[in-house]
């Protein structure tokens, strides 16, 4: 078993138009490394997973439970289970999302 992963070797999956992710799954979490094209949006949705969003590059507008924030590099949002949220990429951006528990729908 190797403890080290090269992100570029992971297969990618587009979950919403313009949202392409590479995923790593542990026993209890999913890490989603997103490349998002400017102008792309994720419609309002919710899921049973807890989600922590970290902006690595660029700007994204996130609306969580009606509260809107334009986030840039270094900003973090914590989204509890079953809370409605949506996103709009103001610029090309890179995000890291951590989900608990594992997102089985993101397995490739």
Protein backbone atom coordinates (compact mmCIF):
# COMPACT_ATOMS: atom_id res chain seq x y z
CA UNK A 1 0.00 0.00 0.00
CA UNK A 2 1.32 3.43 -0.90
CA UNK A 3 0.61 6.44 1.27
CA UNK A 4 1.36 8.92 -1.49
CA UNK A 5 -0.83 10.01 -4.39
CA UNK A 6 -0.11 12.03 -7.53
CA UNK A 7 -3.22 14.07 -8.25
CA UNK A 8 -2.58 14.29 -12.00
CA UNK A 9 -2.71 10.49 -12.24
CA UNK A 10 -6.26 10.38 -10.87
CA UNK A 11 -9.11 10.10 -13.37
CA UNK A 12 -11.36 13.15 -13.59
CA UNK A 13 -15.13 13.46 -13.68
CA UNK A 14 -17.38 16.37 -14.65
CA UNK A 15 -20.22 16.60 -12.11
CA UNK A 16 -21.78 19.84 -13.38
CA UNK A 17 -20.88 21.55 -16.69
CA UNK A 18 -17.53 23.26 -16.12
CA UNK A 19 -16.88 21.50 -12.76
CA UNK A 20 -14.23 18.82 -13.24
CA UNK A 21 -12.97 16.95 -10.20
CA UNK A 22 -10.31 14.44 -9.22
CA UNK A 23 -11.20 12.45 -6.13
CA UNK A 24 -9.44 10.62 -3.35
CA UNK A 25 -11.43 8.52 -0.90
CA UNK A 26 -10.41 7.47 2.58
CA UNK A 27 -12.36 5.19 4.89
CA UNK A 28 -14.52 8.12 6.05
CA UNK A 29 -13.97 11.09 3.71
CA UNK A 30 -13.81 12.15 0.10
CA UNK A 31 -11.40 14.83 -1.05
CA UNK A 32 -12.50 16.54 -4.26
CA UNK A 33 -9.94 18.63 -6.16
CA UNK A 34 -11.94 20.83 -8.56
CA UNK A 35 -10.94 22.73 -11.68
CA UNK A 36 -13.82 25.08 -12.49
CA UNK A 37 -14.25 27.15 -15.64
CA UNK A 38 -15.24 30.83 -15.26
CA UNK A 39 -18.98 31.33 -15.75
CA UNK A 40 -19.89 27.77 -14.70
CA UNK A 41 -22.47 27.18 -12.01
CA UNK A 42 -23.63 24.43 -9.70
CA UNK A 43 -27.39 24.78 -9.17
CA UNK A 44 -28.87 24.89 -5.69
CA UNK A 45 -28.73 21.44 -4.13
CA UNK A 46 -28.17 19.67 -0.83
CA UNK A 47 -26.83 16.31 0.29
CA UNK A 48 -26.43 14.33 3.48
CA UNK A 49 -22.66 14.88 3.51
CA UNK A 50 -20.90 17.55 5.55
CA UNK A 51 -18.76 19.67 3.21
CA UNK A 52 -15.80 21.96 3.74
CA UNK A 53 -14.92 24.14 0.74
CA UNK A 54 -11.45 25.68 0.41
CA UNK A 55 -10.61 28.04 -2.45
CA UNK A 56 -7.07 27.37 -3.69
CA UNK A 57 -7.09 29.76 -6.70
CA UNK A 58 -9.54 32.18 -8.32
CA UNK A 59 -12.91 33.49 -7.17
CA UNK A 60 -16.19 31.69 -6.67
CA UNK A 61 -19.54 32.99 -5.47
CA UNK A 62 -21.06 30.57 -2.97
CA UNK A 63 -24.58 30.81 -1.58
CA UNK A 64 -25.19 28.72 1.55
CA UNK A 65 -28.68 28.70 3.05
CA UNK A 66 -29.38 32.08 1.40
CA UNK A 67 -26.11 33.72 2.55
CA UNK A 68 -23.95 34.88 -0.40
CA UNK A 69 -20.16 35.30 -0.34
CA UNK A 70 -17.57 35.80 -3.07
CA UNK A 71 -14.66 33.66 -1.93
CA UNK A 72 -11.05 33.88 -3.10
CA UNK A 73 -7.84 31.99 -2.34
CA UNK A 74 -7.64 31.01 1.31
CA UNK A 75 -11.36 31.36 2.06
CA UNK A 76 -13.15 28.40 3.64
CA UNK A 77 -16.87 27.61 3.92
CA UNK A 78 -18.37 24.94 6.16
CA UNK A 79 -21.64 23.47 4.87
CA UNK A 80 -23.56 21.22 7.27
CA UNK A 81 -25.51 18.17 6.13
CA UNK A 82 -28.69 18.83 4.14
CA UNK A 83 -28.15 22.61 3.83
CA UNK A 84 -28.98 24.05 0.40
CA UNK A 85 -26.10 25.66 -1.48
CA UNK A 86 -25.07 26.76 -4.98
CA UNK A 87 -21.96 28.13 -6.65
CA UNK A 88 -20.95 30.38 -9.55
CA UNK A 89 -17.34 30.63 -10.80
CA UNK A 90 -16.49 34.32 -11.12
CA UNK A 91 -13.09 33.35 -12.59
CA UNK A 92 -11.41 30.07 -13.44
CA UNK A 93 -10.76 28.53 -10.05
CA UNK A 94 -9.42 25.57 -8.14
CA UNK A 95 -11.13 24.29 -5.02
CA UNK A 96 -10.62 21.54 -2.51
CA UNK A 97 -13.81 20.10 -1.02
CA UNK A 98 -13.74 17.62 1.82
CA UNK A 99 -16.89 15.53 2.31
CA UNK A 100 -17.89 13.39 5.28
CA UNK A 101 -18.88 10.64 4.94
CA UNK A 102 -17.50 9.29 1.65
CA UNK A 103 -19.23 10.46 -1.55
CA UNK A 104 -19.90 7.12 -3.21
CA UNK A 105 -21.29 8.97 -6.25
CA UNK A 106 -17.82 10.44 -6.84
CA UNK A 107 -16.09 7.07 -7.16
CA UNK A 108 -14.65 6.58 -10.65
